[in-house]
Amino acid sequence: GAGSTQVLGGNTFSFKSAKNNPNKFDN
């Protein structure tokens, strides 16, 4: 199988939760 995304960001970005929880990420 294969998959892809839309444009997610620029040069540098992160999906870590804003609450700094290491186990939570933006979808």
PDB file of all heavy atoms in Angstrom:
ATOM      1  N   GLY A   1       0.815  -1.208   0.000  1.00  0.00           N
ATOM      2  CA  GLY A   1       0.000   0.000   0.000  1.00  0.00           C
ATOM      3  C   GLY A   1       0.847   1.255   0.000  1.00  0.00           C
ATOM      4  O   GLY A   1       2.064   1.223   0.235  1.00  0.00           O
ATOM      5  N   ALA A   2       0.199   2.364  -0.278  1.00  0.00           N
ATOM      6  CA  ALA A   2       0.889   3.655  -0.318  1.00  0.00           C
ATOM      7  C   ALA A   2      -0.020   4.723   0.243  1.00  0.00           C
ATOM      8  O   ALA A   2      -1.242   4.551   0.330  1.00  0.00           O
ATOM      9  CB  ALA A   2       1.299   3.991  -1.746  1.00  0.00           C
ATOM     10  N   GLY A   3       0.568   5.856   0.623  1.00  0.00           N
ATOM     11  CA  GLY A   3      -0.203   6.965   1.160  1.00  0.00           C
ATOM     12  C   GLY A   3       0.551   8.259   0.982  1.00  0.00           C
ATOM     13  O   GLY A   3       1.762   8.269   0.727  1.00  0.00           O
ATOM     14  N   SER A   4      -0.124   9.367   1.112  1.00  0.00           N
ATOM     15  CA  SER A   4       0.512  10.678   0.985  1.00  0.00           C
ATOM     16  C   SER A   4      -0.292  11.706   1.756  1.00  0.00           C
ATOM     17  O   SER A   4      -1.402  11.423   2.224  1.00  0.00           O
ATOM     18  CB  SER A   4       0.636  11.066  -0.481  1.00  0.00           C
ATOM     19  OG  SER A   4      -0.645  11.087  -1.097  1.00  0.00           O
ATOM     20  N   THR A   5       0.268  12.903   1.890  1.00  0.00           N
ATOM     21  CA  THR A   5      -0.379  13.974   2.634  1.00  0.00           C
ATOM     22  C   THR A   5      -0.523  15.193   1.744  1.00  0.00           C
ATOM     23  O   THR A   5       0.037  15.270   0.647  1.00  0.00           O
ATOM     24  CB  THR A   5       0.441  14.360   3.872  1.00  0.00           C
ATOM     25  OG1 THR A   5       1.616  15.060   3.453  1.00  0.00           O
ATOM     26  CG2 THR A   5       0.821  13.141   4.685  1.00  0.00           C
ATOM     27  N   GLN A   6      -1.236  16.155   2.221  1.00  0.00           N
ATOM     28  CA  GLN A   6      -1.219  17.482   1.629  1.00  0.00           C
ATOM     29  C   GLN A   6       0.034  18.204   2.121  1.00  0.00           C
ATOM     30  O   GLN A   6       0.830  17.635   2.870  1.00  0.00           O
ATOM     31  CB  GLN A   6      -2.469  18.246   2.035  1.00  0.00           C
ATOM     32  CG  GLN A   6      -2.592  18.427   3.538  1.00  0.00           C
ATOM     33  CD  GLN A   6      -3.882  19.117   3.933  1.00  0.00           C
ATOM     34  OE1 GLN A   6      -4.627  19.564   3.061  1.00  0.00           O
ATOM     35  NE2 GLN A   6      -4.138  19.230   5.213  1.00  0.00           N
ATOM     36  N   VAL A   7       0.222  19.439   1.710  1.00  0.00           N
ATOM     37  CA  VAL A   7       1.357  20.225   2.200  1.00  0.00           C
ATOM     38  C   VAL A   7       1.189  20.448   3.699  1.00  0.00           C
ATOM     39  O   VAL A   7       0.152  20.929   4.160  1.00  0.00           O
ATOM     40  CB  VAL A   7       1.454  21.576   1.462  1.00  0.00           C
ATOM     41  CG1 VAL A   7       2.524  22.461   2.105  1.00  0.00           C
ATOM     42  CG2 VAL A   7       1.782  21.349  -0.004  1.00  0.00           C
ATOM     43  N   LEU A   8       2.226  20.039   4.445  1.00  0.00           N
ATOM     44  CA  LEU A   8       2.138  20.067   5.897  1.00  0.00           C
ATOM     45  C   LEU A   8       2.841  21.270   6.527  1.00  0.00           C
ATOM     46  O   LEU A   8       2.542  21.647   7.661  1.00  0.00           O
ATOM     47  CB  LEU A   8       2.725  18.775   6.478  1.00  0.00           C
ATOM     48  CG  LEU A   8       2.036  17.482   6.053  1.00  0.00           C
ATOM     49  CD1 LEU A   8       2.762  16.280   6.631  1.00  0.00           C
ATOM     50  CD2 LEU A   8       0.582  17.478   6.503  1.00  0.00           C
ATOM     51  N   GLY A   9       3.818  21.833   5.842  1.00  0.00           N
ATOM     52  CA  GLY A   9       4.550  22.952   6.422  1.00  0.00           C
ATOM     53  C   GLY A   9       5.654  23.421   5.498  1.00  0.00           C
ATOM     54  O   GLY A   9       5.723  23.060   4.317  1.00  0.00           O
ATOM     55  N   GLY A  10       6.543  24.238   6.069  1.00  0.00           N
ATOM     56  CA  GLY A  10       7.650  24.784   5.306  1.00  0.00           C
ATOM     57  C   GLY A  10       8.913  23.983   5.457  1.00  0.00           C
ATOM     58  O   GLY A  10       8.937  22.780   5.233  1.00  0.00           O
ATOM     59  N   ASN A  11       9.983  24.670   5.889  1.00  0.00           N
ATOM     60  CA  ASN A  11      11.280  23.996   6.019  1.00  0.00           C
ATOM     61  C   ASN A  11      11.358  23.162   7.302  1.00  0.00           C
ATOM     62  O   ASN A  11      11.854  22.043   7.298  1.00  0.00           O
ATOM     63  CB  ASN A  11      12.408  25.024   6.001  1.00  0.00           C
ATOM     64  CG  ASN A  11      12.520  25.727   4.664  1.00  0.00           C
ATOM     65  OD1 ASN A  11      12.006  25.240   3.664  1.00  0.00           O
ATOM     66  ND2 ASN A  11      13.182  26.888   4.636  1.00  0.00           N
ATOM     67  N   THR A  12      10.891  23.716   8.384  1.00  0.00           N
ATOM     68  CA  THR A  12      10.974  23.049   9.687  1.00  0.00           C
ATOM     69  C   THR A  12       9.641  23.179  10.396  1.00  0.00           C
ATOM     70  O   THR A  12       9.096  24.282  10.503  1.00  0.00           O
ATOM     71  CB  THR A  12      12.087  23.679  10.552  1.00  0.00           C
ATOM     72  OG1 THR A  12      13.336  23.553   9.864  1.00  0.00           O
ATOM     73  CG2 THR A  12      12.176  22.986  11.904  1.00  0.00           C
ATOM     74  N   PHE A  13       9.127  22.056  10.884  1.00  0.00           N
ATOM     75  CA  PHE A  13       7.855  22.082  11.616  1.00  0.00           C
ATOM     76  C   PHE A  13       7.762  20.828  12.474  1.00  0.00           C
ATOM     77  O   PHE A  13       8.531  19.868  12.308  1.00  0.00           O
ATOM     78  CB  PHE A  13       6.656  22.180  10.672  1.00  0.00           C
ATOM     79  CG  PHE A  13       6.667  21.207   9.538  1.00  0.00           C
ATOM     80  CD1 PHE A  13       6.060  19.975   9.654  1.00  0.00           C
ATOM     81  CD2 PHE A  13       7.298  21.526   8.333  1.00  0.00           C
ATOM     82  CE1 PHE A  13       6.067  19.071   8.595  1.00  0.00           C
ATOM     83  CE2 PHE A  13       7.306  20.634   7.276  1.00  0.00           C
ATOM     84  CZ  PHE A  13       6.688  19.402   7.408  1.00  0.00           C
ATOM     85  N   SER A  14       6.817  20.835  13.408  1.00  0.00           N
ATOM     86  CA  SER A  14       6.653  19.736  14.367  1.00  0.00           C
ATOM     87  C   SER A  14       5.179  19.471  14.577  1.00  0.00           C
ATOM     88  O   SER A  14       4.340  20.373  14.458  1.00  0.00           O
ATOM     89  CB  SER A  14       7.317  20.091  15.697  1.00  0.00           C
ATOM     90  OG  SER A  14       7.030  19.109  16.682  1.00  0.00           O
ATOM     91  N   PHE A  15       4.893  18.220  14.907  1.00  0.00           N
ATOM     92  CA  PHE A  15       3.511  17.822  15.198  1.00  0.00           C
ATOM     93  C   PHE A  15       3.310  17.490  16.671  1.00  0.00           C
ATOM     94  O   PHE A  15       2.292  16.906  17.046  1.00  0.00           O
ATOM     95  CB  PHE A  15       3.106  16.622  14.336  1.00  0.00           C
ATOM     96  CG  PHE A  15       2.976  16.965  12.886  1.00  0.00           C
ATOM     97  CD1 PHE A  15       4.006  16.713  12.008  1.00  0.00           C
ATOM     98  CD2 PHE A  15       1.834  17.570  12.410  1.00  0.00           C
ATOM     99  CE1 PHE A  15       3.893  17.037  10.674  1.00  0.00           C
ATOM    100  CE2 PHE A  15       1.710  17.907  11.067  1.00  0.00           C
ATOM    101  CZ  PHE A  15       2.749  17.645  10.197  1.00  0.00           C
ATOM    102  N   LYS A  16       4.269  17.844  17.505  1.00  0.00           N
ATOM    103  CA  LYS A  16       4.117  17.615  18.934  1.00  0.00           C
ATOM    104  C   LYS A  16       3.010  18.496  19.477  1.00  0.00           C
ATOM    105  O   LYS A  16       2.813  19.617  19.017  1.00  0.00           O
ATOM    106  CB  LYS A  16       5.426  17.899  19.664  1.00  0.00           C
ATOM    107  CG  LYS A  16       6.507  16.864  19.381  1.00  0.00           C
ATOM    108  CD  LYS A  16       7.750  17.135  20.204  1.00  0.00           C
ATOM    109  CE  LYS A  16       8.812  16.073  19.961  1.00  0.00           C
ATOM    110  NZ  LYS A  16      10.040  16.323  20.742  1.00  0.00           N
ATOM    111  N   SER A  17       2.307  17.977  20.480  1.00  0.00           N
ATOM    112  CA  SER A  17       1.186  18.697  21.053  1.00  0.00           C
ATOM    113  C   SER A  17       1.658  19.992  21.677  1.00  0.00           C
ATOM    114  O   SER A  17       2.745  20.087  22.243  1.00  0.00           O
ATOM    115  CB  SER A  17       0.482  17.839  22.112  1.00  0.00           C
ATOM    116  OG  SER A  17      -0.514  18.579  22.773  1.00  0.00           O
ATOM    117  N   ALA A  18       0.783  21.001  21.588  1.00  0.00           N
ATOM    118  CA  ALA A  18       1.119  22.299  22.165  1.00  0.00           C
ATOM    119  C   ALA A  18       1.250  22.228  23.677  1.00  0.00           C
ATOM    120  O   ALA A  18       1.910  23.061  24.293  1.00  0.00           O
ATOM    121  CB  ALA A  18       0.060  23.329  21.784  1.00  0.00           C
ATOM    122  N   LYS A  19       0.640  21.189  24.268  1.00  0.00           N
ATOM    123  CA  LYS A  19       0.702  21.052  25.731  1.00  0.00           C
ATOM    124  C   LYS A  19       1.979  20.361  26.178  1.00  0.00           C
ATOM    125  O   LYS A  19       2.152  20.042  27.339  1.00  0.00           O
ATOM    126  CB  LYS A  19      -0.505  20.257  26.237  1.00  0.00           C
ATOM    127  CG  LYS A  19      -1.835  20.994  26.013  1.00  0.00           C
ATOM    128  CD  LYS A  19      -2.989  20.178  26.583  1.00  0.00           C
ATOM    129  CE  LYS A  19      -4.309  20.910  26.382  1.00  0.00           C
ATOM    130  NZ  LYS A  19      -5.458  20.134  26.902  1.00  0.00           N
ATOM    131  N   ASN A  20       2.874  20.125  25.242  1.00  0.00           N
ATOM    132  CA  ASN A  20       4.158  19.506  25.562  1.00  0.00           C
ATOM    133  C   ASN A  20       4.031  18.085  26.095  1.00  0.00           C
ATOM    134  O   ASN A  20       4.908  17.626  26.814  1.00  0.00           O
ATOM    135  CB  ASN A  20       4.913  20.344  26.602  1.00  0.00           C
ATOM    136  CG  ASN A  20       6.172  20.947  26.011  1.00  0.00           C
ATOM    137  OD1 ASN A  20       6.515  20.642  24.877  1.00  0.00           O
ATOM    138  ND2 ASN A  20       6.833  21.784  26.768  1.00  0.00           N
ATOM    139  N   ASN A  21       2.972  17.434  25.792  1.00  0.00           N
ATOM    140  CA  ASN A  21       2.820  16.027  26.187  1.00  0.00           C
ATOM    141  C   ASN A  21       3.532  15.166  25.146  1.00  0.00           C
ATOM    142  O   ASN A  21       3.178  15.177  23.972  1.00  0.00           O
ATOM    143  CB  ASN A  21       1.333  15.646  26.244  1.00  0.00           C
ATOM    144  CG  ASN A  21       1.109  14.266  26.817  1.00  0.00           C
ATOM    145  OD1 ASN A  21       1.965  13.393  26.716  1.00  0.00           O
ATOM    146  ND2 ASN A  21      -0.064  14.081  27.425  1.00  0.00           N
ATOM    147  N   PRO A  22       4.567  14.410  25.535  1.00  0.00           N
ATOM    148  CA  PRO A  22       5.340  13.635  24.551  1.00  0.00           C
ATOM    149  C   PRO A  22       4.536  12.553  23.855  1.00  0.00           C
ATOM    150  O   PRO A  22       4.952  12.028  22.829  1.00  0.00           O
ATOM    151  CB  PRO A  22       6.468  13.030  25.401  1.00  0.00           C
ATOM    152  CG  PRO A  22       5.931  13.005  26.789  1.00  0.00           C
ATOM    153  CD  PRO A  22       5.047  14.210  26.912  1.00  0.00           C
ATOM    154  N   ASN A  23       3.398  12.209  24.413  1.00  0.00           N
ATOM    155  CA  ASN A  23       2.586  11.151  23.811  1.00  0.00           C
ATOM    156  C   ASN A  23       1.419  11.697  22.986  1.00  0.00           C
ATOM    157  O   ASN A  23       0.587  10.932  22.500  1.00  0.00           O
ATOM    158  CB  ASN A  23       2.038  10.225  24.908  1.00  0.00           C
ATOM    159  CG  ASN A  23       3.152   9.498  25.638  1.00  0.00           C
ATOM    160  OD1 ASN A  23       4.096   9.031  25.017  1.00  0.00           O
ATOM    161  ND2 ASN A  23       3.041   9.421  26.955  1.00  0.00           N
ATOM    162  N   LYS A  24       1.335  13.018  22.856  1.00  0.00           N
ATOM    163  CA  LYS A  24       0.236  13.617  22.105  1.00  0.00           C
ATOM    164  C   LYS A  24       0.790  14.366  20.904  1.00  0.00           C
ATOM    165  O   LYS A  24       1.760  15.119  21.015  1.00  0.00           O
ATOM    166  CB  LYS A  24      -0.574  14.573  22.990  1.00  0.00           C
ATOM    167  CG  LYS A  24      -1.404  13.879  24.044  1.00  0.00           C
ATOM    168  CD  LYS A  24      -2.299  14.856  24.744  1.00  0.00           C
ATOM    169  CE  LYS A  24      -3.704  14.771  24.220  1.00  0.00           C
ATOM    170  NZ  LYS A  24      -4.642  15.630  24.951  1.00  0.00           N
ATOM    171  N   PHE A  25       0.154  14.137  19.754  1.00  0.00           N
ATOM    172  CA  PHE A  25       0.583  14.768  18.512  1.00  0.00           C
ATOM    173  C   PHE A  25      -0.634  15.271  17.751  1.00  0.00           C
ATOM    174  O   PHE A  25      -1.739  14.738  17.892  1.00  0.00           O
ATOM    175  CB  PHE A  25       1.361  13.770  17.640  1.00  0.00           C
ATOM    176  CG  PHE A  25       2.610  13.246  18.290  1.00  0.00           C
ATOM    177  CD1 PHE A  25       2.572  12.123  19.097  1.00  0.00           C
ATOM    178  CD2 PHE A  25       3.818  13.878  18.097  1.00  0.00           C
ATOM    179  CE1 PHE A  25       3.720  11.630  19.694  1.00  0.00           C
ATOM    180  CE2 PHE A  25       4.981  13.400  18.693  1.00  0.00           C
ATOM    181  CZ  PHE A  25       4.926  12.280  19.501  1.00  0.00           C
ATOM    182  N   ASP A  26      -0.397  16.306  16.951  1.00  0.00           N
ATOM    183  CA  ASP A  26      -1.459  16.798  16.084  1.00  0.00           C
ATOM    184  C   ASP A  26      -1.747  15.751  15.005  1.00  0.00           C
ATOM    185  O   ASP A  26      -0.844  15.084  14.511  1.00  0.00           O
ATOM    186  CB  ASP A  26      -1.037  18.115  15.428  1.00  0.00           C
ATOM    187  CG  ASP A  26      -0.842  19.223  16.466  1.00  0.00           C
ATOM    188  OD1 ASP A  26      -1.465  19.116  17.534  1.00  0.00           O
ATOM    189  OD2 ASP A  26      -0.073  20.161  16.200  1.00  0.00           O
ATOM    190  N   ASN A  27      -3.010  15.652  14.638  1.00  0.00           N
ATOM    191  CA  ASN A  27      -3.404  14.621  13.672  1.00  0.00           C
ATOM    192  C   ASN A  27      -2.962  14.922  12.245  1.00  0.00           C
ATOM    193  O   ASN A  27      -3.065  14.076  11.371  1.00  0.00           O
ATOM    194  CB  ASN A  27      -4.929  14.432  13.704  1.00  0.00           C
ATOM    195  CG  ASN A  27      -5.396  13.759  14.975  1.00  0.00           C
ATOM    196  OD1 ASN A  27      -4.657  12.970  15.561  1.00  0.00           O
ATOM    197  ND2 ASN A  27      -6.598  14.077  15.412  1.00  0.00           N
TER     198      ASN A  27
END
